[in-house]
Amino acid sequence: MTANPNTSGSGKCEVSTVPGRLPVLGHTAALLRKRLAFTAGLRGHGPVVRVYLGGLPLHVVTTAELAHRVLVDEAFDKGIFVDKLRRAFGDGLVSLNGDRYRRQRRMIQPAFHRHALARYSETMTAAAAELANSWRDGQVLQVDRLMQDLAISVVGRSLFSTDFDAGVSAEVRANTPVLIRLGVVRALSPAVLEKLPVPANRRFDEAVARVHRVVDRVVDSPRAGREDLLSVLLGARDEDTGEPMGRQQVRDHVVTLLTAGTETTGIALSWLFHELARNPGVAGRLHAEVDRVLGGRPATAADLRALPYTRRVVDEVLRAYPLWLTLRRTNTAVRLGGVELPAGTEVGFSPHALHHDPRYHERPELFDPDRWLPDRAAAVPAGAYVPFAGGLHHCPGHAFAHTEMAIVAATVAARWRLVPVPGKPVRPRVVGLLYPNRLPMTARSR
């Protein structure tokens, strides 16, 4: 593994435009067609390169050092991807910048404090145990669907004190990927396309409406005696003005937390069981650990300290299957990697490309949980591993997601091996997140 390259010298650098720019479309067609290969190949053109989203220039950074700067420097705000999704997420945390973001985050943060997480973890344990108890030996499971439904159930029961019915789960599972997929297409395409009366735009509008209807049911549910995130939102007061959140603001936060808290975790759990099936040595070590610690019972948050290998498996899944693109925008003039960028410049990087960059991760194609042993993890530079972003916009639910993944992985592995179904190849379907195209697996009792 080579050292992190120093790209922040004082000399002015010329930015190269990536070959293959087309009239009107720019690099959009290549980005959407090749996706992972396109962004992985950008490092060969320099530390800062220019691609065109239609006619809009996007400066992509390809080193961990510069990606870290983009995440932590307050000169960078949310970018064009958030603009394109604002109709769906409104003024939820994913959409806000600056002082408004700070104030809203402080109002939400108590819902993710350690004592609250301990309470949520009891729901995670119960939901994982219910799922594991519902299977029978030899049953073929649609693991990707089950994991997304589980994540939806955990979010509903822990953050909103409601056990979502099958209809709600189906609406969230069906429509959130549409929002993400079409939001990515919109962000990477000329602006004029989103105004055309084409089927993709109608699907996007319908998905937004369906998700908002589900969230309205949650927000308007009776609250008496509940201690959950929604109650925190409804009772929060702005520390500067003393004013509560308006209903629209509450709804925007719930949309953000419901979708973000279910998609990423459900997808990551799906890939976790896929990787255990593909790597018998990893599965054997994880099974030995959970057998020793759990003896067949469900895992709790108190068990996680004694399950270090399980937690490393989670870390490695988050490395192998992260977000494809992160986009930001400068709010002031910035010198980045020797390049002068005026205010309003779109800037981005690919977490997936950085997580698979051999400069930072030895044999990145290998699923190796031991790369997260303390001494090896310490050698990974800042910016080379960013599953939950970083800096001011570091995901407030990162501990929630990591705890949920570890509890579910250990609880299921204590009872079951999940075996691939022959003749059903699994591959990533790159949307913005990396979805499995399918994931049928057979449950084998241990």
Protein backbone atom coordinates (compact mmCIF):
# COMPACT_ATOMS: atom_id res chain seq x y z
CA MET A 1 0.00 0.00 0.00
CA THR A 2 1.58 3.27 -1.08
CA ALA A 3 1.64 6.44 0.93
CA ASN A 4 -1.14 8.99 0.59
CA PRO A 5 -0.09 11.33 -2.23
CA ASN A 6 0.41 14.99 -1.34
CA THR A 7 -1.63 17.03 -3.75
CA SER A 8 -2.03 20.27 -1.81
CA GLY A 9 1.16 22.01 -2.79
CA SER A 10 1.35 25.70 -3.57
CA GLY A 11 1.91 25.36 -7.30
CA LYS A 12 -1.07 26.02 -9.51
CA CYS A 13 -2.32 22.89 -11.29
CA GLU A 14 -4.05 22.56 -14.61
CA VAL A 15 -7.28 20.57 -14.48
CA SER A 16 -7.65 18.00 -17.21
CA THR A 17 -11.06 17.34 -18.75
CA VAL A 18 -11.71 13.62 -18.94
CA PRO A 19 -11.78 12.36 -22.55
CA GLY A 20 -15.10 11.38 -24.10
CA ARG A 21 -17.15 14.54 -23.57
CA LEU A 22 -20.16 14.62 -25.90
CA PRO A 23 -22.11 17.64 -27.15
CA VAL A 24 -25.07 18.50 -24.88
CA LEU A 25 -24.73 15.33 -22.77
CA GLY A 26 -21.14 15.88 -21.65
CA HIS A 27 -19.97 12.78 -19.76
CA THR A 28 -23.45 11.86 -18.50
CA ALA A 29 -23.91 8.91 -20.86
CA ALA A 30 -20.55 7.38 -19.89
CA LEU A 31 -21.16 8.00 -16.19
CA LEU A 32 -24.54 6.31 -16.25
CA ARG A 33 -23.42 3.47 -18.52
CA LYS A 34 -20.12 2.55 -16.86
CA ARG A 35 -20.63 3.99 -13.36
CA LEU A 36 -18.12 2.16 -11.13
CA ALA A 37 -15.56 1.67 -13.89
CA PHE A 38 -15.85 5.32 -14.93
CA THR A 39 -15.27 6.75 -11.46
CA ALA A 40 -12.51 4.23 -10.66
CA GLY A 41 -10.68 5.26 -13.83
CA LEU A 42 -10.63 8.96 -12.96
CA ARG A 43 -7.61 8.58 -10.69
CA GLY A 44 -5.51 7.98 -13.79
CA HIS A 45 -6.21 11.53 -14.99
CA GLY A 46 -4.97 13.35 -11.88
CA PRO A 47 -5.90 14.35 -8.32
CA VAL A 48 -8.54 16.81 -9.56
CA VAL A 49 -10.27 16.19 -12.89
CA ARG A 50 -13.17 17.78 -14.72
CA VAL A 51 -16.20 15.96 -16.08
CA TYR A 52 -19.33 17.52 -17.52
CA LEU A 53 -22.89 16.79 -16.40
CA GLY A 54 -24.48 17.99 -19.59
CA GLY A 55 -22.98 21.46 -19.80
CA LEU A 56 -22.26 21.72 -16.06
CA PRO A 57 -18.62 21.16 -15.04
CA LEU A 58 -18.03 18.86 -12.06
CA HIS A 59 -14.59 18.75 -10.47
CA VAL A 60 -13.91 15.26 -9.15
CA VAL A 61 -11.18 14.66 -6.57
CA THR A 62 -9.51 11.26 -6.67
CA THR A 63 -7.31 11.17 -3.57
CA ALA A 64 -8.22 10.44 0.04
CA GLU A 65 -6.58 13.66 1.21
CA LEU A 66 -8.72 15.84 -1.02
CA ALA A 67 -11.91 13.87 -0.37
CA HIS A 68 -11.35 14.37 3.36
CA ARG A 69 -10.93 18.10 2.77
CA VAL A 70 -14.19 18.23 0.81
CA LEU A 71 -16.00 16.50 3.69
CA VAL A 72 -14.59 18.50 6.61
CA ASP A 73 -13.97 21.98 5.18
CA GLU A 74 -16.94 24.29 5.76
CA ALA A 75 -16.25 25.87 2.37
CA PHE A 76 -18.20 22.94 0.89
CA ASP A 77 -21.98 22.65 1.07
CA LYS A 78 -24.37 20.04 -0.28
CA GLY A 79 -24.36 19.96 -4.08
CA ILE A 80 -26.52 19.33 -7.10
CA PHE A 81 -27.71 15.89 -6.01
CA VAL A 82 -29.47 17.46 -3.03
CA ASP A 83 -30.98 20.12 -5.31
CA LYS A 84 -32.49 17.40 -7.49
CA LEU A 85 -33.92 15.53 -4.50
CA ARG A 86 -35.29 18.54 -2.63
CA ARG A 87 -38.83 17.79 -3.79
CA ALA A 88 -38.57 14.46 -1.98
CA PHE A 89 -36.64 15.45 1.16
CA GLY A 90 -37.58 19.13 1.51
CA ASP A 91 -35.56 20.68 4.31
CA GLY A 92 -34.55 17.46 6.04
CA LEU A 93 -31.00 17.10 7.30
CA VAL A 94 -29.82 15.70 3.97
CA SER A 95 -30.78 18.98 2.26
CA LEU A 96 -29.63 21.67 4.71
CA ASN A 97 -26.41 23.64 4.94
CA GLY A 98 -24.68 26.07 7.26
CA ASP A 99 -26.37 27.43 10.38
CA ARG A 100 -29.75 25.91 9.51
CA TYR A 101 -28.14 22.47 9.35
CA ARG A 102 -26.34 22.99 12.68
CA ARG A 103 -29.49 24.10 14.48
CA GLN A 104 -31.61 21.26 13.11
CA ARG A 105 -28.93 18.68 13.85
CA ARG A 106 -28.65 19.85 17.47
CA MET A 107 -32.41 19.46 17.81
CA ILE A 108 -32.29 15.90 16.46
CA GLN A 109 -29.07 14.70 18.09
CA PRO A 110 -30.60 13.71 21.48
CA ALA A 111 -32.50 10.95 19.70
CA PHE A 112 -29.17 9.30 18.85
CA HIS A 113 -27.41 9.65 22.22
CA ARG A 114 -26.02 6.55 23.91
CA HIS A 115 -28.96 5.99 26.28
CA ALA A 116 -31.40 6.22 23.37
CA LEU A 117 -29.32 3.81 21.29
CA ALA A 118 -29.39 1.30 24.15
CA ARG A 119 -33.18 1.45 24.09
CA TYR A 120 -33.31 1.10 20.31
CA SER A 121 -30.99 -1.90 20.43
CA GLU A 122 -33.62 -3.88 22.33
CA THR A 123 -35.92 -3.44 19.33
CA MET A 124 -33.11 -4.51 17.00
CA THR A 125 -32.59 -7.71 19.00
CA ALA A 126 -36.31 -8.50 19.08
CA ALA A 127 -36.76 -7.87 15.35
CA ALA A 128 -33.72 -9.98 14.42
CA ALA A 129 -34.90 -12.84 16.66
CA GLU A 130 -38.41 -12.72 15.19
CA LEU A 131 -36.97 -12.95 11.69
CA ALA A 132 -34.62 -15.83 12.52
CA ASN A 133 -37.44 -17.70 14.28
CA SER A 134 -39.73 -17.38 11.25
CA TRP A 135 -37.55 -19.44 8.88
CA ARG A 136 -37.59 -23.18 8.33
CA ASP A 137 -34.74 -25.42 7.25
CA GLY A 138 -34.42 -25.56 3.45
CA GLN A 139 -36.61 -22.50 2.86
CA VAL A 140 -35.60 -20.27 -0.06
CA LEU A 141 -35.52 -16.67 1.11
CA GLN A 142 -35.43 -13.42 -0.85
CA VAL A 143 -32.75 -12.04 1.42
CA ASP A 144 -32.54 -8.55 -0.09
CA ARG A 145 -36.27 -8.01 0.42
CA LEU A 146 -36.21 -9.50 3.92
CA MET A 147 -33.31 -7.31 5.03
CA GLN A 148 -34.95 -4.15 3.73
CA ASP A 149 -38.22 -5.07 5.45
CA LEU A 150 -36.30 -5.76 8.65
CA ALA A 151 -34.59 -2.37 8.47
CA ILE A 152 -37.94 -0.67 7.87
CA SER A 153 -39.42 -2.49 10.87
CA VAL A 154 -36.51 -1.52 13.14
CA VAL A 155 -36.73 2.14 12.15
CA GLY A 156 -40.50 2.15 12.61
CA ARG A 157 -40.47 0.46 16.00
CA SER A 158 -37.44 2.21 17.47
CA LEU A 159 -37.53 5.71 16.01
CA PHE A 160 -41.29 6.13 15.55
CA SER A 161 -42.83 3.63 18.03
CA THR A 162 -44.98 2.02 15.40
CA ASP A 163 -44.87 -1.42 13.86
CA PHE A 164 -45.28 -0.62 10.17
CA ASP A 165 -47.75 -2.88 8.44
CA ALA A 166 -46.91 -4.80 5.28
CA GLY A 167 -48.41 -2.10 3.09
CA VAL A 168 -46.18 0.61 4.54
CA SER A 169 -43.10 -1.58 4.24
CA ALA A 170 -43.97 -2.36 0.64
CA GLU A 171 -44.42 1.34 -0.20
CA VAL A 172 -41.08 2.33 1.35
CA ARG A 173 -39.24 -0.62 -0.21
CA ALA A 174 -40.70 0.02 -3.65
CA ASN A 175 -40.44 3.80 -3.83
CA THR A 176 -37.21 4.73 -2.04
CA PRO A 177 -34.98 3.09 -4.69
CA VAL A 178 -36.94 4.99 -7.35
CA LEU A 179 -36.21 8.29 -5.60
CA ILE A 180 -32.51 7.48 -5.34
CA ARG A 181 -32.13 6.08 -8.85
CA LEU A 182 -33.98 8.84 -10.63
CA GLY A 183 -32.41 11.47 -8.37
CA VAL A 184 -28.97 10.28 -9.52
CA VAL A 185 -30.05 10.37 -13.18
CA ARG A 186 -31.40 13.90 -12.69
CA ALA A 187 -28.23 15.08 -10.96
CA LEU A 188 -26.03 13.77 -13.78
CA SER A 189 -28.23 14.94 -16.67
CA PRO A 190 -28.89 18.31 -18.31
CA ALA A 191 -31.43 20.31 -16.29
CA VAL A 192 -33.85 20.57 -19.18
CA LEU A 193 -34.57 16.83 -19.05
CA GLU A 194 -36.28 16.94 -15.65
CA LYS A 195 -38.93 19.31 -17.02
CA LEU A 196 -39.99 17.04 -19.85
CA PRO A 197 -43.23 14.99 -19.55
CA VAL A 198 -41.42 11.67 -19.84
CA PRO A 199 -42.16 8.43 -17.92
CA ALA A 200 -39.08 8.78 -15.67
CA ASN A 201 -40.26 12.14 -14.38
CA ARG A 202 -43.77 10.80 -13.77
CA ARG A 203 -42.33 7.83 -11.85
CA PHE A 204 -40.23 10.19 -9.73
CA ASP A 205 -43.24 12.39 -8.91
CA GLU A 206 -45.37 9.36 -8.06
CA ALA A 207 -42.66 7.92 -5.78
CA VAL A 208 -42.38 11.25 -3.94
CA ALA A 209 -46.15 11.37 -3.43
CA ARG A 210 -46.31 7.79 -2.16
CA VAL A 211 -43.46 8.24 0.34
CA HIS A 212 -44.99 11.48 1.60
CA ARG A 213 -48.35 9.78 2.16
CA VAL A 214 -46.69 7.09 4.26
CA VAL A 215 -44.79 9.68 6.30
CA ASP A 216 -47.92 11.76 6.88
CA ARG A 217 -49.51 8.71 8.49
CA VAL A 218 -46.52 8.38 10.81
CA VAL A 219 -46.36 12.07 11.75
CA ASP A 220 -50.10 12.25 12.45
CA SER A 221 -50.18 9.12 14.63
CA PRO A 222 -51.09 9.51 18.36
CA ARG A 223 -48.03 10.43 20.45
CA ALA A 224 -49.18 10.15 24.08
CA GLY A 225 -46.62 8.41 26.29
CA ARG A 226 -44.16 7.69 23.50
CA GLU A 227 -40.41 8.21 23.81
CA ASP A 228 -39.05 8.10 20.29
CA LEU A 229 -37.38 10.22 17.66
CA LEU A 230 -40.64 11.66 16.38
CA SER A 231 -41.53 12.79 19.89
CA VAL A 232 -38.10 14.44 20.13
CA LEU A 233 -38.75 16.28 16.86
CA LEU A 234 -42.19 17.43 17.92
CA GLY A 235 -40.93 18.60 21.31
CA ALA A 236 -37.67 20.19 20.14
CA ARG A 237 -37.11 23.93 20.39
CA ASP A 238 -34.63 26.03 18.44
CA GLU A 239 -31.96 27.12 20.92
CA ASP A 240 -31.81 30.60 19.38
CA THR A 241 -35.49 31.39 18.86
CA GLY A 242 -37.23 28.96 21.21
CA GLU A 243 -39.59 28.07 18.38
CA PRO A 244 -40.69 24.47 17.73
CA MET A 245 -40.31 22.82 14.34
CA GLY A 246 -43.18 23.34 11.95
CA ARG A 247 -45.08 20.29 10.76
CA GLN A 248 -43.49 20.52 7.30
CA GLN A 249 -40.01 20.55 8.84
CA VAL A 250 -40.88 17.52 10.99
CA ARG A 251 -42.17 15.69 7.92
CA ASP A 252 -39.01 16.50 5.96
CA HIS A 253 -36.85 15.06 8.75
CA VAL A 254 -38.99 11.92 8.98
CA VAL A 255 -38.77 11.37 5.21
CA THR A 256 -34.98 11.68 5.41
CA LEU A 257 -34.56 9.43 8.44
CA LEU A 258 -37.02 6.80 7.25
CA THR A 259 -35.44 6.45 3.81
CA ALA A 260 -31.80 6.86 4.86
CA GLY A 261 -32.24 4.60 7.87
CA THR A 262 -33.75 1.76 5.88
CA GLU A 263 -32.08 1.71 2.46
CA THR A 264 -28.43 1.78 3.47
CA THR A 265 -28.79 -0.68 6.34
CA GLY A 266 -31.03 -3.13 4.49
CA ILE A 267 -28.73 -3.17 1.46
CA ALA A 268 -25.60 -3.56 3.58
CA LEU A 269 -27.11 -6.51 5.48
CA SER A 270 -28.00 -8.16 2.17
CA TRP A 271 -24.40 -7.88 0.99
CA LEU A 272 -23.13 -9.11 4.36
CA PHE A 273 -24.91 -12.46 4.01
CA HIS A 274 -23.86 -12.66 0.36
CA GLU A 275 -20.21 -12.21 1.36
CA LEU A 276 -20.45 -14.78 4.16
CA ALA A 277 -21.72 -17.29 1.59
CA ARG A 278 -18.91 -16.42 -0.84
CA ASN A 279 -16.18 -16.60 1.81
CA PRO A 280 -16.40 -19.81 3.87
CA GLY A 281 -13.34 -18.87 5.92
CA VAL A 282 -14.92 -15.60 6.99
CA ALA A 283 -18.22 -17.34 7.74
CA GLY A 284 -16.45 -20.02 9.78
CA ARG A 285 -14.72 -17.46 11.99
CA LEU A 286 -17.91 -15.46 12.49
CA HIS A 287 -19.90 -18.61 13.36
CA ALA A 288 -17.24 -19.71 15.84
CA GLU A 289 -17.34 -16.30 17.51
CA VAL A 290 -21.12 -16.11 17.82
CA ASP A 291 -21.29 -19.73 19.02
CA ARG A 292 -18.80 -18.97 21.76
CA VAL A 293 -20.48 -15.73 22.88
CA LEU A 294 -24.17 -16.35 22.21
CA GLY A 295 -24.69 -20.11 22.35
CA GLY A 296 -27.62 -19.81 19.95
CA ARG A 297 -29.46 -16.94 21.64
CA PRO A 298 -30.13 -13.53 20.02
CA ALA A 299 -27.39 -10.91 20.24
CA THR A 300 -27.78 -7.74 22.28
CA ALA A 301 -25.85 -4.48 22.26
CA ALA A 302 -24.06 -5.66 25.42
CA ASP A 303 -22.62 -8.60 23.45
CA LEU A 304 -20.97 -6.48 20.76
CA ARG A 305 -17.78 -5.80 22.70
CA ALA A 306 -17.24 -9.58 22.81
CA LEU A 307 -17.93 -9.88 19.05
CA PRO A 308 -14.98 -8.02 17.48
CA TYR A 309 -14.79 -10.19 14.36
CA THR A 310 -18.50 -9.70 13.68
CA ARG A 311 -18.00 -5.95 13.93
CA ARG A 312 -15.05 -6.14 11.54
CA VAL A 313 -17.23 -8.02 9.05
CA VAL A 314 -19.68 -5.11 9.23
CA ASP A 315 -16.86 -2.63 8.66
CA GLU A 316 -15.67 -4.57 5.62
CA VAL A 317 -19.16 -4.73 4.10
CA LEU A 318 -19.38 -0.95 4.48
CA ARG A 319 -16.02 -0.65 2.68
CA ALA A 320 -16.95 -2.99 -0.14
CA TYR A 321 -20.44 -1.60 -0.85
CA PRO A 322 -20.51 2.15 -0.17
CA LEU A 323 -22.20 5.06 -1.88
CA TRP A 324 -21.16 5.51 -5.50
CA LEU A 325 -20.92 9.32 -5.63
CA THR A 326 -20.82 12.18 -3.14
CA LEU A 327 -21.42 15.67 -4.52
CA ARG A 328 -20.70 19.02 -2.87
CA ARG A 329 -20.61 22.71 -3.89
CA THR A 330 -18.19 25.44 -2.88
CA ASN A 331 -19.75 28.33 -0.95
CA THR A 332 -16.63 30.47 -1.32
CA ALA A 333 -13.51 30.53 -3.47
CA VAL A 334 -11.37 27.48 -2.66
CA ARG A 335 -7.89 26.27 -3.59
CA LEU A 336 -8.15 22.50 -3.83
CA GLY A 337 -5.17 20.39 -4.83
CA GLY A 338 -3.54 23.41 -6.43
CA VAL A 339 -6.70 24.22 -8.39
CA GLU A 340 -8.55 27.52 -7.92
CA LEU A 341 -12.30 26.95 -7.68
CA PRO A 342 -14.73 29.87 -7.49
CA ALA A 343 -17.80 29.88 -5.24
CA GLY A 344 -20.61 27.80 -6.70
CA THR A 345 -18.34 25.13 -8.21
CA GLU A 346 -19.71 21.57 -8.16
CA VAL A 347 -17.20 19.17 -6.58
CA GLY A 348 -17.45 15.45 -5.97
CA PHE A 349 -15.71 12.18 -5.29
CA SER A 350 -16.56 8.50 -5.38
CA PRO A 351 -16.53 6.72 -2.00
CA HIS A 352 -16.64 3.44 -3.94
CA ALA A 353 -13.52 4.35 -5.92
CA LEU A 354 -11.65 5.39 -2.77
CA HIS A 355 -12.74 2.25 -0.89
CA HIS A 356 -11.33 0.15 -3.74
CA ASP A 357 -8.19 2.18 -4.38
CA PRO A 358 -5.06 0.01 -3.99
CA ARG A 359 -3.11 3.07 -2.82
CA TYR A 360 -5.07 2.90 0.43
CA HIS A 361 -6.46 -0.63 0.70
CA GLU A 362 -4.24 -3.62 0.07
CA ARG A 363 -5.90 -6.06 -2.36
CA PRO A 364 -9.17 -4.10 -2.33
CA GLU A 365 -10.99 -6.81 -4.32
CA LEU A 366 -10.52 -9.20 -1.39
CA PHE A 367 -13.22 -9.34 1.31
CA ASP A 368 -10.92 -9.18 4.34
CA PRO A 369 -12.44 -8.19 7.71
CA ASP A 370 -8.97 -8.30 9.29
CA ARG A 371 -8.00 -5.15 7.41
CA TRP A 372 -9.96 -3.49 10.26
CA LEU A 373 -7.73 -4.85 13.01
CA PRO A 374 -6.57 -1.81 14.98
CA ASP A 375 -3.01 -1.67 13.67
CA ARG A 376 -4.05 -2.06 10.02
CA ALA A 377 -7.03 0.28 10.31
CA ALA A 378 -4.78 2.98 11.77
CA ALA A 379 -2.77 2.99 8.53
CA VAL A 380 -5.80 3.90 6.40
CA PRO A 381 -5.64 7.66 5.77
CA ALA A 382 -8.52 10.01 6.46
CA GLY A 383 -10.81 10.14 3.45
CA ALA A 384 -10.05 6.60 2.26
CA TYR A 385 -12.90 5.06 4.27
CA VAL A 386 -16.04 7.19 4.45
CA PRO A 387 -19.12 4.95 4.74
CA PHE A 388 -20.99 7.61 6.71
CA ALA A 389 -19.46 10.74 5.10
CA GLY A 390 -17.59 12.92 7.60
CA GLY A 391 -17.08 16.35 9.09
CA LEU A 392 -20.10 18.48 9.87
CA HIS A 393 -22.33 16.25 7.72
CA HIS A 394 -21.24 12.97 9.29
CA CYS A 395 -24.36 10.80 9.43
CA PRO A 396 -25.96 11.23 12.88
CA GLY A 397 -27.34 7.68 12.69
CA HIS A 398 -24.01 5.94 12.04
CA ALA A 399 -23.89 4.22 15.46
CA PHE A 400 -27.54 3.17 15.06
CA ALA A 401 -26.80 1.55 11.69
CA HIS A 402 -23.59 -0.17 12.80
CA THR A 403 -25.23 -1.56 15.94
CA GLU A 404 -28.21 -2.84 13.98
CA MET A 405 -26.03 -4.57 11.40
CA ALA A 406 -23.90 -6.30 14.03
CA ILE A 407 -26.90 -7.46 16.08
CA VAL A 408 -28.72 -8.83 13.03
CA ALA A 409 -25.60 -10.52 11.62
CA ALA A 410 -24.80 -12.24 14.92
CA THR A 411 -28.40 -13.25 15.68
CA VAL A 412 -28.96 -14.81 12.26
CA ALA A 413 -25.52 -16.46 12.14
CA ALA A 414 -26.11 -18.05 15.53
CA ARG A 415 -28.99 -20.05 14.03
CA TRP A 416 -28.54 -20.20 10.26
CA ARG A 417 -26.24 -20.49 7.28
CA LEU A 418 -27.57 -18.79 4.17
CA VAL A 419 -26.56 -20.64 1.01
CA PRO A 420 -26.72 -19.20 -2.55
CA VAL A 421 -29.34 -20.63 -4.90
CA PRO A 422 -27.55 -22.24 -7.88
CA GLY A 423 -28.03 -20.58 -11.24
CA LYS A 424 -28.99 -17.21 -9.73
CA PRO A 425 -25.89 -15.01 -10.13
CA VAL A 426 -25.75 -11.92 -7.96
CA ARG A 427 -24.22 -8.66 -9.13
CA PRO A 428 -24.34 -5.03 -7.98
CA ARG A 429 -26.98 -2.81 -9.53
CA VAL A 430 -25.49 0.64 -9.22
CA VAL A 431 -28.12 3.28 -8.51
CA GLY A 432 -26.44 5.69 -6.11
CA LEU A 433 -26.26 2.93 -3.58
CA LEU A 434 -25.21 -0.56 -4.70
CA TYR A 435 -28.25 -2.83 -4.71
CA PRO A 436 -27.98 -6.57 -5.36
CA ASN A 437 -29.85 -7.37 -8.57
CA ARG A 438 -31.39 -10.28 -6.63
CA LEU A 439 -30.43 -12.34 -3.60
CA PRO A 440 -32.29 -15.66 -3.23
CA MET A 441 -30.64 -17.84 -0.57
CA THR A 442 -31.53 -21.12 1.10
CA ALA A 443 -31.70 -21.21 4.90
CA ARG A 444 -29.75 -24.11 6.44
CA SER A 445 -30.13 -24.72 10.15
CA ARG A 446 -26.88 -24.80 12.10
